[in-house]
Amino acid sequence: MFFWDWTYILIFPGLLLGLWAQHKVKSTYAEYSRISTRLGMPAHQMVADLLRRNGNNAVSVARVSGSLTDHYNPSTETLNLSDGVYGSASVAALGIAAHEAGHAMQKHEGYMPLKLRSTIVPAVNICSSLSTPLFFLGLIMAWEPLTTLGIILFAASTVFALVTLPVEFNASQRAVNMLTDGGYVTGDEVRGVQKVLNAAALTYVAAAVTSLMSLLRLVLIANSRRRD
């Protein structure tokens, strides 16, 4: 039956990369969470000072429960730091907080890839929920237009995953630059920040690879059914 076939092997690389990325994030975060910066400024104070220095006074800093749940909300201009980051002065905490500040600066400066990602989020959410059901319904009904529509909707999610990459890479680069320019980290601390952010970036690469290979899988399945 079509629910299981050889094309499943196409999604394995992304899944394996995703597992490796999650392991890398957790292990790197754990390592550099134990190393305090020489400055000794807690992440929530540092990031507020960093944003002020860079001319962004619109963002408020808040605490959010959980581990590695840090995120920037552009609609409310709130930079949310997780329990383990908010009051910590570790290399990992400052790196993560500065990364989210990088997103805040992207909005502040009108960074186009962030604008594009924010614009397509509502459409992508709808496409993601409908793509797979429509695709397989099209196969069951042997109605090619419905199958094709499912592929097109899934492709929107893939575009979103690809657009996310430059947004995240740019935020990390901004984080490193702002931390070093502001004197918040120096020497080995900078390399530690880079390792933490590079590990986090792997999760987005894994998501993009998984989405691309899943899209390819749907195309191959549709072509196979068309030949049958």
Protein backbone atom coordinates (compact mmCIF):
# COMPACT_ATOMS: atom_id res chain seq x y z
CA MET A 1 0.00 0.00 0.00
CA PHE A 2 1.14 3.53 -0.75
CA PHE A 3 1.44 4.59 2.91
CA TRP A 4 4.74 2.72 3.11
CA ASP A 5 7.24 2.54 0.27
CA TRP A 6 10.90 3.00 -0.50
CA THR A 7 10.59 6.80 -0.66
CA TYR A 8 10.52 6.91 3.15
CA ILE A 9 14.31 6.59 3.05
CA LEU A 10 14.42 10.12 1.61
CA ILE A 11 13.40 11.65 4.92
CA PHE A 12 15.95 9.70 6.98
CA PRO A 13 18.87 12.13 6.35
CA GLY A 14 16.86 15.05 7.71
CA LEU A 15 15.65 13.04 10.69
CA LEU A 16 19.16 11.87 11.55
CA LEU A 17 20.50 15.40 11.15
CA GLY A 18 17.69 16.64 13.37
CA LEU A 19 18.54 14.14 16.11
CA TRP A 20 22.21 15.09 15.89
CA ALA A 21 21.31 18.78 16.00
CA GLN A 22 19.18 18.33 19.12
CA HIS A 23 22.00 16.44 20.81
CA LYS A 24 24.51 19.10 19.80
CA VAL A 25 22.32 21.93 21.08
CA LYS A 26 21.76 20.29 24.46
CA SER A 27 25.37 19.25 24.99
CA THR A 28 26.85 22.59 23.86
CA TYR A 29 24.33 24.55 25.92
CA ALA A 30 25.10 22.42 28.97
CA GLU A 31 28.85 22.91 28.52
CA TYR A 32 28.78 26.69 28.15
CA SER A 33 26.06 27.19 30.75
CA ARG A 34 28.70 26.23 33.30
CA ILE A 35 31.13 28.91 32.12
CA SER A 36 30.48 32.41 33.46
CA THR A 37 31.53 35.49 31.52
CA ARG A 38 34.13 37.80 33.01
CA LEU A 39 31.66 40.67 32.91
CA GLY A 40 29.23 38.78 35.12
CA MET A 41 26.13 40.63 33.87
CA PRO A 42 22.90 38.55 33.85
CA ALA A 43 21.46 37.94 30.41
CA HIS A 44 18.31 39.99 30.95
CA GLN A 45 20.34 43.04 31.98
CA MET A 46 22.86 42.52 29.23
CA VAL A 47 20.31 42.25 26.45
CA ALA A 48 18.40 45.34 27.63
CA ASP A 49 21.66 47.30 27.67
CA LEU A 50 22.69 45.87 24.30
CA LEU A 51 19.43 46.90 22.63
CA ARG A 52 19.61 50.37 24.17
CA ARG A 53 23.16 50.85 22.89
CA ASN A 54 22.01 49.88 19.40
CA GLY A 55 19.18 52.39 19.40
CA ASN A 56 16.31 49.97 19.97
CA ASN A 57 14.25 51.12 22.95
CA ALA A 58 10.94 49.57 21.86
CA VAL A 59 11.66 46.04 23.09
CA SER A 60 10.79 44.81 26.58
CA VAL A 61 12.56 41.83 28.16
CA ALA A 62 10.46 39.18 29.92
CA ARG A 63 10.92 35.80 31.53
CA VAL A 64 9.27 32.68 30.11
CA SER A 65 9.11 29.24 31.70
CA GLY A 66 10.84 26.21 30.25
CA SER A 67 14.26 25.29 28.94
CA LEU A 68 15.56 26.80 25.68
CA THR A 69 12.17 28.43 25.09
CA ASP A 70 13.79 31.79 24.36
CA HIS A 71 12.17 33.76 21.55
CA TYR A 72 11.47 37.25 20.25
CA ASN A 73 7.85 38.19 19.55
CA PRO A 74 7.83 40.91 16.86
CA SER A 75 4.11 41.61 17.24
CA THR A 76 4.44 42.59 20.92
CA GLU A 77 8.08 43.72 20.76
CA THR A 78 8.89 41.34 23.62
CA LEU A 79 12.13 39.44 24.03
CA ASN A 80 11.38 36.36 26.13
CA LEU A 81 14.20 34.59 27.97
CA SER A 82 13.86 31.12 29.47
CA ASP A 83 14.39 30.28 33.14
CA GLY A 84 17.92 29.04 32.56
CA VAL A 85 18.94 32.10 30.55
CA TYR A 86 17.18 35.07 32.13
CA GLY A 87 19.27 35.47 35.29
CA SER A 88 22.38 33.66 34.10
CA ALA A 89 25.68 35.35 33.24
CA SER A 90 27.02 32.29 31.41
CA VAL A 91 28.51 32.30 27.92
CA ALA A 92 25.56 30.24 26.67
CA ALA A 93 22.96 32.56 28.22
CA LEU A 94 24.50 35.72 26.76
CA GLY A 95 24.80 34.11 23.35
CA ILE A 96 21.17 32.99 23.29
CA ALA A 97 19.88 36.33 24.58
CA ALA A 98 21.95 38.23 22.03
CA HIS A 99 20.62 35.98 19.24
CA GLU A 100 17.07 36.97 20.13
CA ALA A 101 18.24 40.59 20.28
CA GLY A 102 19.52 40.02 16.75
CA HIS A 103 15.94 39.28 15.67
CA ALA A 104 14.76 42.43 17.43
CA MET A 105 17.35 44.45 15.54
CA GLN A 106 16.28 42.81 12.29
CA LYS A 107 12.77 44.18 12.78
CA HIS A 108 14.12 47.52 13.98
CA GLU A 109 16.17 47.88 10.79
CA GLY A 110 13.56 46.42 8.42
CA TYR A 111 15.55 43.30 7.50
CA MET A 112 13.75 41.99 4.40
CA PRO A 113 14.00 38.19 4.98
CA LEU A 114 12.41 38.66 8.43
CA LYS A 115 9.63 40.74 6.86
CA LEU A 116 9.05 38.01 4.29
CA ARG A 117 8.99 35.26 6.91
CA SER A 118 6.55 37.18 9.12
CA THR A 119 4.29 37.90 6.14
CA ILE A 120 3.96 34.29 5.02
CA VAL A 121 3.50 32.73 8.48
CA PRO A 122 -0.35 32.73 8.44
CA ALA A 123 -0.48 31.24 4.94
CA VAL A 124 2.17 28.64 5.80
CA ASN A 125 0.22 27.51 8.87
CA ILE A 126 -2.85 26.88 6.73
CA CYS A 127 -0.86 25.17 3.98
CA SER A 128 0.90 22.90 6.48
CA SER A 129 -2.36 21.66 7.96
CA LEU A 130 -3.98 20.97 4.58
CA SER A 131 -1.11 19.75 2.36
CA THR A 132 -0.70 16.14 3.48
CA PRO A 133 -4.43 15.31 3.87
CA LEU A 134 -5.18 16.77 0.43
CA PHE A 135 -2.24 14.95 -1.15
CA PHE A 136 -3.24 11.51 0.11
CA LEU A 137 -6.92 12.17 -0.51
CA GLY A 138 -5.97 12.91 -4.11
CA LEU A 139 -4.14 9.58 -4.30
CA ILE A 140 -7.08 7.68 -2.81
CA MET A 141 -9.54 9.31 -5.20
CA ALA A 142 -7.07 9.04 -8.10
CA TRP A 143 -7.67 12.74 -8.76
CA GLU A 144 -4.42 14.31 -9.92
CA PRO A 145 -5.39 18.01 -9.43
CA LEU A 146 -5.96 17.39 -5.72
CA THR A 147 -2.64 15.59 -5.39
CA THR A 148 -0.89 18.44 -7.16
CA LEU A 149 -2.56 20.96 -4.87
CA GLY A 150 -1.27 19.04 -1.87
CA ILE A 151 2.27 19.24 -3.27
CA ILE A 152 1.98 22.97 -3.92
CA LEU A 153 0.73 23.60 -0.38
CA PHE A 154 3.56 21.52 1.08
CA ALA A 155 6.04 23.49 -1.03
CA ALA A 156 4.96 26.61 0.85
CA SER A 157 6.24 25.04 4.07
CA THR A 158 9.52 24.23 2.36
CA VAL A 159 9.87 27.84 1.21
CA PHE A 160 9.30 28.96 4.80
CA ALA A 161 12.02 26.60 6.07
CA LEU A 162 14.45 27.96 3.48
CA VAL A 163 13.60 31.60 4.21
CA THR A 164 14.19 30.89 7.90
CA LEU A 165 17.85 29.99 7.30
CA PRO A 166 19.18 33.47 6.39
CA VAL A 167 17.03 35.01 9.15
CA GLU A 168 18.59 32.77 11.80
CA PHE A 169 22.14 32.96 10.44
CA ASN A 170 21.93 36.74 10.28
CA ALA A 171 20.59 36.96 13.85
CA SER A 172 23.51 34.86 15.09
CA GLN A 173 26.05 37.00 13.27
CA ARG A 174 24.45 40.12 14.68
CA ALA A 175 24.61 38.55 18.14
CA VAL A 176 28.35 37.90 17.92
CA ASN A 177 29.04 41.38 16.56
CA MET A 178 26.95 43.15 19.19
CA LEU A 179 28.44 41.13 22.03
CA THR A 180 32.03 41.77 20.94
CA ASP A 181 31.48 45.42 19.99
CA GLY A 182 29.84 46.07 23.34
CA GLY A 183 32.55 44.29 25.29
CA TYR A 184 30.12 41.82 26.82
CA VAL A 185 32.30 38.86 25.82
CA THR A 186 35.97 38.58 24.94
CA GLY A 187 38.53 36.00 23.87
CA ASP A 188 37.46 32.41 24.47
CA GLU A 189 33.99 33.61 25.43
CA VAL A 190 33.39 34.72 21.85
CA ARG A 191 34.30 31.27 20.55
CA GLY A 192 31.95 29.74 23.11
CA VAL A 193 29.10 31.96 21.93
CA GLN A 194 29.79 30.96 18.34
CA LYS A 195 29.71 27.26 19.24
CA VAL A 196 26.37 27.64 21.02
CA LEU A 197 24.81 29.56 18.13
CA ASN A 198 26.27 27.24 15.47
CA ALA A 199 24.75 24.26 17.30
CA ALA A 200 21.37 25.99 17.36
CA ALA A 201 21.64 26.78 13.64
CA LEU A 202 21.92 23.06 12.90
CA THR A 203 18.29 22.58 13.96
CA TYR A 204 17.13 24.98 11.26
CA VAL A 205 19.32 23.31 8.64
CA ALA A 206 17.87 19.93 9.64
CA ALA A 207 14.33 21.29 9.32
CA ALA A 208 15.07 22.65 5.85
CA VAL A 209 16.66 19.38 4.69
CA THR A 210 13.73 17.36 6.06
CA SER A 211 11.22 19.61 4.33
CA LEU A 212 13.06 19.48 1.00
CA MET A 213 13.37 15.68 1.06
CA SER A 214 9.74 15.28 2.12
CA LEU A 215 8.67 17.48 -0.79
CA LEU A 216 10.76 15.36 -3.16
CA ARG A 217 9.12 12.26 -1.73
CA LEU A 218 5.63 13.58 -2.45
CA VAL A 219 6.61 14.43 -6.02
CA LEU A 220 8.03 10.94 -6.59
CA ILE A 221 4.95 9.26 -5.15
CA ALA A 222 2.69 11.38 -7.36
CA ASN A 223 4.76 10.60 -10.46
CA SER A 224 4.70 6.89 -9.63
CA ARG A 225 0.92 6.90 -9.27
CA ARG A 226 0.59 8.84 -12.52
CA ARG A 227 2.59 6.14 -14.37
CA ASP A 228 0.46 3.42 -12.81
